[in-house]
Amino acid sequence: MSIAKRIADRTSAKRHIDVPEWGDEGKPEKVYYGPLLAGELNRIQRKHPNFLSSTSFDAMVDLIILKAETGQGEKLFTLEDKAVLMREEVSVISTVAAAFMSGDSVEEQEKN
C-alpha cells in the first residue's frame, strides 16, 4: 500500500465527542469529526491568521462548523448556524473545539 493511501485511510477515520448540552431526551449528542488536516487549517488561518497562537471564539466556531458531522457524515452546521453557535456557552465551544484540534475524543483524553 502506498504512503498516500495509508495517509488517506488514516485521515478518513472518524472520532466523536459526546456533547450533553446539545443532546435530546437526556442523551448527549454525538458529534463526529475527523482529524484536522493541513488544508483545513490553511482555510481557517486565511480567515483567522493567529488561529494557532491566539484562538478566538469566532475561530473556534468556524472550526466547529467546518468539522462537526453526524454519524452519517453529513455536516452538522452551516454558516447560517454561526449566530446560534456564537450564543453558546464558552465552556461548550471550547471543549468541542479543543477535541477537534487535538484529534482525540474527550473520552480518549480522559483515559490518558
N, C-alpha and C. Protein backbone atom coordinates (compact mmCIF):
# COMPACT_ATOMS: atom_id res chain seq x y z
N MET A 1 0.85 -1.17 0.00
CA MET A 1 0.00 0.00 0.00
C MET A 1 0.90 1.24 0.00
N SER A 2 0.56 2.21 -0.82
CA SER A 2 1.37 3.43 -0.92
C SER A 2 1.21 4.30 0.34
N ILE A 3 2.15 5.16 0.55
CA ILE A 3 2.08 6.09 1.69
C ILE A 3 0.85 6.97 1.55
N ALA A 4 0.58 7.47 0.35
CA ALA A 4 -0.59 8.33 0.14
C ALA A 4 -1.87 7.61 0.52
N LYS A 5 -1.99 6.34 0.19
CA LYS A 5 -3.18 5.55 0.52
C LYS A 5 -3.29 5.37 2.04
N ARG A 6 -2.16 5.13 2.70
CA ARG A 6 -2.18 4.97 4.16
C ARG A 6 -2.58 6.28 4.83
N ILE A 7 -2.09 7.41 4.30
CA ILE A 7 -2.49 8.72 4.84
C ILE A 7 -3.99 8.92 4.65
N ALA A 8 -4.48 8.64 3.45
CA ALA A 8 -5.91 8.81 3.17
C ALA A 8 -6.75 7.94 4.09
N ASP A 9 -6.34 6.70 4.30
CA ASP A 9 -7.08 5.81 5.20
C ASP A 9 -7.09 6.33 6.63
N ARG A 10 -5.92 6.75 7.09
CA ARG A 10 -5.81 7.22 8.47
C ARG A 10 -6.60 8.51 8.70
N THR A 11 -6.55 9.42 7.75
CA THR A 11 -7.22 10.72 7.94
C THR A 11 -8.72 10.65 7.69
N SER A 12 -9.20 9.53 7.18
CA SER A 12 -10.65 9.40 6.99
C SER A 12 -11.32 8.80 8.22
N ALA A 13 -10.54 8.36 9.19
CA ALA A 13 -11.10 7.78 10.41
C ALA A 13 -11.85 8.85 11.20
N LYS A 14 -13.05 8.52 11.66
CA LYS A 14 -13.87 9.47 12.42
C LYS A 14 -13.81 9.16 13.90
N ARG A 15 -13.88 10.20 14.67
CA ARG A 15 -13.95 10.14 16.13
C ARG A 15 -15.25 10.83 16.53
N HIS A 16 -15.57 10.78 17.80
CA HIS A 16 -16.73 11.55 18.24
C HIS A 16 -16.50 12.11 19.64
N ILE A 17 -17.26 13.12 19.93
CA ILE A 17 -17.29 13.71 21.27
C ILE A 17 -18.77 13.75 21.67
N ASP A 18 -19.05 13.37 22.91
CA ASP A 18 -20.40 13.47 23.44
C ASP A 18 -20.60 14.87 23.99
N VAL A 19 -21.63 15.56 23.52
CA VAL A 19 -21.91 16.92 23.95
C VAL A 19 -23.28 16.92 24.63
N PRO A 20 -23.30 16.80 25.97
CA PRO A 20 -24.57 16.71 26.68
C PRO A 20 -25.47 17.93 26.45
N GLU A 21 -24.86 19.11 26.33
CA GLU A 21 -25.64 20.34 26.17
C GLU A 21 -26.41 20.38 24.85
N TRP A 22 -26.00 19.61 23.88
CA TRP A 22 -26.66 19.60 22.58
C TRP A 22 -27.56 18.39 22.40
N GLY A 23 -27.66 17.57 23.44
CA GLY A 23 -28.43 16.33 23.35
C GLY A 23 -29.93 16.55 23.43
N ASP A 24 -30.63 15.44 23.31
CA ASP A 24 -32.08 15.43 23.33
C ASP A 24 -32.55 14.29 24.23
N GLU A 25 -33.60 14.52 24.98
CA GLU A 25 -34.19 13.50 25.83
C GLU A 25 -33.18 12.88 26.80
N GLY A 26 -32.32 13.72 27.36
CA GLY A 26 -31.37 13.26 28.35
C GLY A 26 -30.15 12.53 27.81
N LYS A 27 -30.05 12.41 26.50
CA LYS A 27 -28.91 11.74 25.89
C LYS A 27 -27.99 12.77 25.25
N PRO A 28 -26.66 12.65 25.45
CA PRO A 28 -25.75 13.62 24.81
C PRO A 28 -25.76 13.46 23.30
N GLU A 29 -25.52 14.55 22.61
CA GLU A 29 -25.36 14.50 21.15
C GLU A 29 -23.97 13.98 20.83
N LYS A 30 -23.88 13.00 19.96
CA LYS A 30 -22.58 12.52 19.48
C LYS A 30 -22.21 13.37 18.27
N VAL A 31 -21.14 14.12 18.40
CA VAL A 31 -20.64 14.96 17.32
C VAL A 31 -19.41 14.27 16.75
N TYR A 32 -19.47 13.93 15.49
CA TYR A 32 -18.39 13.21 14.82
C TYR A 32 -17.47 14.19 14.10
N TYR A 33 -16.21 13.81 13.97
CA TYR A 33 -15.23 14.65 13.29
C TYR A 33 -14.02 13.80 12.91
N GLY A 34 -13.30 14.27 11.92
CA GLY A 34 -12.04 13.65 11.54
C GLY A 34 -10.90 14.51 12.03
N PRO A 35 -9.68 14.06 11.83
CA PRO A 35 -8.53 14.86 12.26
C PRO A 35 -8.48 16.19 11.50
N LEU A 36 -7.92 17.19 12.15
CA LEU A 36 -7.74 18.48 11.50
C LEU A 36 -6.62 18.34 10.47
N LEU A 37 -6.94 18.56 9.23
CA LEU A 37 -6.00 18.36 8.13
C LEU A 37 -5.30 19.67 7.75
N ALA A 38 -4.17 19.55 7.11
CA ALA A 38 -3.38 20.72 6.75
C ALA A 38 -4.18 21.70 5.89
N GLY A 39 -4.91 21.20 4.92
CA GLY A 39 -5.72 22.08 4.06
C GLY A 39 -6.81 22.79 4.83
N GLU A 40 -7.40 22.10 5.80
CA GLU A 40 -8.44 22.72 6.63
C GLU A 40 -7.85 23.80 7.52
N LEU A 41 -6.66 23.53 8.06
CA LEU A 41 -6.00 24.54 8.88
C LEU A 41 -5.67 25.78 8.05
N ASN A 42 -5.21 25.59 6.82
CA ASN A 42 -4.96 26.72 5.92
C ASN A 42 -6.22 27.54 5.72
N ARG A 43 -7.33 26.85 5.51
CA ARG A 43 -8.62 27.53 5.30
C ARG A 43 -9.00 28.37 6.51
N ILE A 44 -8.84 27.81 7.71
CA ILE A 44 -9.15 28.54 8.94
C ILE A 44 -8.19 29.72 9.11
N GLN A 45 -6.90 29.49 8.83
CA GLN A 45 -5.91 30.56 9.04
C GLN A 45 -6.04 31.70 8.04
N ARG A 46 -6.63 31.45 6.88
CA ARG A 46 -6.87 32.57 5.95
C ARG A 46 -7.85 33.57 6.58
N LYS A 47 -8.82 33.05 7.30
CA LYS A 47 -9.81 33.92 7.94
C LYS A 47 -9.35 34.38 9.32
N HIS A 48 -8.57 33.55 9.99
CA HIS A 48 -8.10 33.83 11.36
C HIS A 48 -6.59 33.60 11.40
N PRO A 49 -5.79 34.60 10.99
CA PRO A 49 -4.34 34.43 10.85
C PRO A 49 -3.62 33.97 12.11
N ASN A 50 -4.13 34.32 13.28
CA ASN A 50 -3.47 33.95 14.54
C ASN A 50 -4.12 32.73 15.18
N PHE A 51 -4.74 31.90 14.38
CA PHE A 51 -5.51 30.77 14.89
C PHE A 51 -4.71 29.90 15.87
N LEU A 52 -3.50 29.55 15.54
CA LEU A 52 -2.72 28.65 16.40
C LEU A 52 -2.14 29.34 17.63
N SER A 53 -1.87 30.61 17.56
CA SER A 53 -1.24 31.29 18.70
C SER A 53 -2.24 32.01 19.59
N SER A 54 -3.37 32.41 19.05
CA SER A 54 -4.35 33.18 19.82
C SER A 54 -5.74 32.90 19.25
N THR A 55 -6.29 31.76 19.61
CA THR A 55 -7.55 31.32 19.02
C THR A 55 -8.72 32.08 19.63
N SER A 56 -9.49 32.73 18.78
CA SER A 56 -10.68 33.45 19.22
C SER A 56 -11.88 32.51 19.20
N PHE A 57 -12.95 32.90 19.88
CA PHE A 57 -14.16 32.09 19.85
C PHE A 57 -14.80 32.10 18.47
N ASP A 58 -14.63 33.18 17.74
CA ASP A 58 -15.10 33.23 16.36
C ASP A 58 -14.41 32.14 15.54
N ALA A 59 -13.11 31.98 15.74
CA ALA A 59 -12.35 30.95 15.03
C ALA A 59 -12.77 29.56 15.48
N MET A 60 -13.00 29.37 16.78
CA MET A 60 -13.44 28.07 17.28
C MET A 60 -14.79 27.67 16.67
N VAL A 61 -15.69 28.63 16.58
CA VAL A 61 -17.00 28.36 15.98
C VAL A 61 -16.83 28.00 14.51
N ASP A 62 -15.97 28.72 13.80
CA ASP A 62 -15.71 28.37 12.39
C ASP A 62 -15.14 26.95 12.26
N LEU A 63 -14.28 26.56 13.20
CA LEU A 63 -13.74 25.21 13.20
C LEU A 63 -14.85 24.18 13.42
N ILE A 64 -15.73 24.45 14.35
CA ILE A 64 -16.84 23.54 14.61
C ILE A 64 -17.74 23.41 13.39
N ILE A 65 -18.04 24.53 12.75
CA ILE A 65 -18.85 24.49 11.52
C ILE A 65 -18.16 23.66 10.45
N LEU A 66 -16.86 23.80 10.33
CA LEU A 66 -16.09 23.08 9.31
C LEU A 66 -16.04 21.58 9.58
N LYS A 67 -15.87 21.18 10.85
CA LYS A 67 -15.56 19.79 11.17
C LYS A 67 -16.72 18.94 11.69
N ALA A 68 -17.70 19.52 12.34
CA ALA A 68 -18.75 18.74 13.01
C ALA A 68 -19.63 18.02 11.99
N GLU A 69 -19.84 16.72 12.25
CA GLU A 69 -20.65 15.89 11.36
C GLU A 69 -21.60 15.02 12.16
N THR A 70 -22.61 14.51 11.47
CA THR A 70 -23.48 13.49 12.04
C THR A 70 -22.78 12.15 11.92
N GLY A 71 -23.36 11.13 12.48
CA GLY A 71 -22.82 9.78 12.35
C GLY A 71 -22.82 9.27 10.93
N GLN A 72 -23.64 9.90 10.07
CA GLN A 72 -23.71 9.51 8.66
C GLN A 72 -22.78 10.34 7.78
N GLY A 73 -21.98 11.22 8.40
CA GLY A 73 -21.00 12.01 7.66
C GLY A 73 -21.55 13.29 7.06
N GLU A 74 -22.76 13.70 7.46
CA GLU A 74 -23.34 14.95 6.97
C GLU A 74 -22.92 16.09 7.89
N LYS A 75 -22.76 17.28 7.31
CA LYS A 75 -22.39 18.45 8.11
C LYS A 75 -23.47 18.70 9.16
N LEU A 76 -23.03 18.95 10.38
CA LEU A 76 -23.95 19.22 11.47
C LEU A 76 -24.39 20.68 11.47
N PHE A 77 -23.50 21.57 11.01
CA PHE A 77 -23.78 23.01 11.00
C PHE A 77 -23.40 23.61 9.65
N THR A 78 -24.04 24.74 9.35
CA THR A 78 -23.66 25.56 8.20
C THR A 78 -23.32 26.95 8.71
N LEU A 79 -22.83 27.79 7.82
CA LEU A 79 -22.54 29.17 8.23
C LEU A 79 -23.78 29.88 8.75
N GLU A 80 -24.94 29.44 8.32
CA GLU A 80 -26.19 30.04 8.81
C GLU A 80 -26.39 29.78 10.31
N ASP A 81 -25.72 28.76 10.84
CA ASP A 81 -25.83 28.42 12.26
C ASP A 81 -24.82 29.17 13.13
N LYS A 82 -23.95 29.96 12.51
CA LYS A 82 -22.89 30.61 13.26
C LYS A 82 -23.43 31.53 14.37
N ALA A 83 -24.47 32.28 14.08
CA ALA A 83 -25.02 33.19 15.09
C ALA A 83 -25.51 32.42 16.31
N VAL A 84 -26.12 31.27 16.10
CA VAL A 84 -26.59 30.44 17.21
C VAL A 84 -25.40 29.90 18.00
N LEU A 85 -24.39 29.40 17.30
CA LEU A 85 -23.20 28.88 17.98
C LEU A 85 -22.47 29.97 18.76
N MET A 86 -22.48 31.19 18.27
CA MET A 86 -21.82 32.29 18.97
C MET A 86 -22.57 32.67 20.26
N ARG A 87 -23.79 32.18 20.41
CA ARG A 87 -24.55 32.42 21.64
C ARG A 87 -24.46 31.22 22.60
N GLU A 88 -23.66 30.20 22.23
CA GLU A 88 -23.48 29.03 23.09
C GLU A 88 -22.51 29.38 24.23
N GLU A 89 -22.59 28.61 25.30
CA GLU A 89 -21.69 28.82 26.43
C GLU A 89 -20.23 28.63 26.02
N VAL A 90 -19.37 29.44 26.57
CA VAL A 90 -17.95 29.40 26.27
C VAL A 90 -17.37 28.02 26.55
N SER A 91 -17.76 27.40 27.65
CA SER A 91 -17.21 26.10 28.02
C SER A 91 -17.55 25.02 26.99
N VAL A 92 -18.72 25.08 26.41
CA VAL A 92 -19.13 24.08 25.41
C VAL A 92 -18.31 24.27 24.13
N ILE A 93 -18.24 25.51 23.65
CA ILE A 93 -17.49 25.79 22.42
C ILE A 93 -16.02 25.41 22.60
N SER A 94 -15.42 25.78 23.71
CA SER A 94 -14.00 25.50 23.90
C SER A 94 -13.74 24.00 24.05
N THR A 95 -14.63 23.26 24.68
CA THR A 95 -14.46 21.81 24.82
C THR A 95 -14.53 21.11 23.47
N VAL A 96 -15.53 21.47 22.66
CA VAL A 96 -15.69 20.84 21.35
C VAL A 96 -14.52 21.22 20.44
N ALA A 97 -14.18 22.49 20.39
CA ALA A 97 -13.07 22.93 19.53
C ALA A 97 -11.75 22.29 19.96
N ALA A 98 -11.53 22.16 21.26
CA ALA A 98 -10.28 21.54 21.74
C ALA A 98 -10.20 20.08 21.29
N ALA A 99 -11.31 19.37 21.34
CA ALA A 99 -11.32 17.98 20.86
C ALA A 99 -10.98 17.93 19.38
N PHE A 100 -11.56 18.83 18.60
CA PHE A 100 -11.30 18.86 17.16
C PHE A 100 -9.84 19.15 16.87
N MET A 101 -9.24 20.03 17.65
CA MET A 101 -7.84 20.41 17.42
C MET A 101 -6.87 19.33 17.87
N SER A 102 -7.22 18.60 18.92
CA SER A 102 -6.31 17.57 19.44
C SER A 102 -6.38 16.29 18.63
N GLY A 103 -7.52 16.06 18.00
CA GLY A 103 -7.69 14.82 17.25
C GLY A 103 -8.21 13.69 18.10
N ASP A 104 -8.26 13.85 19.40
CA ASP A 104 -8.78 12.82 20.30
C ASP A 104 -10.18 13.18 20.73
N SER A 105 -10.98 12.17 20.98
CA SER A 105 -12.28 12.43 21.59
C SER A 105 -12.06 12.72 23.06
N VAL A 106 -13.00 13.37 23.69
CA VAL A 106 -12.90 13.67 25.12
C VAL A 106 -12.77 12.36 25.89
N GLU A 107 -13.48 11.32 25.45
CA GLU A 107 -13.40 10.03 26.10
C GLU A 107 -11.97 9.49 26.06
N GLU A 108 -11.30 9.63 24.91
CA GLU A 108 -9.91 9.17 24.78
C GLU A 108 -8.98 9.99 25.67
N GLN A 109 -9.22 11.31 25.74
CA GLN A 109 -8.39 12.18 26.57
C GLN A 109 -8.54 11.82 28.04
N GLU A 110 -9.76 11.46 28.48
CA GLU A 110 -9.99 11.13 29.87
C GLU A 110 -9.31 9.83 30.25
N LYS A 111 -9.10 8.93 29.30
CA LYS A 111 -8.39 7.67 29.58
C LYS A 111 -6.93 7.91 29.88
N ASN A 112 -6.35 8.97 29.26
CA ASN A 112 -4.90 9.25 29.43
C ASN A 112 -4.60 10.01 30.69
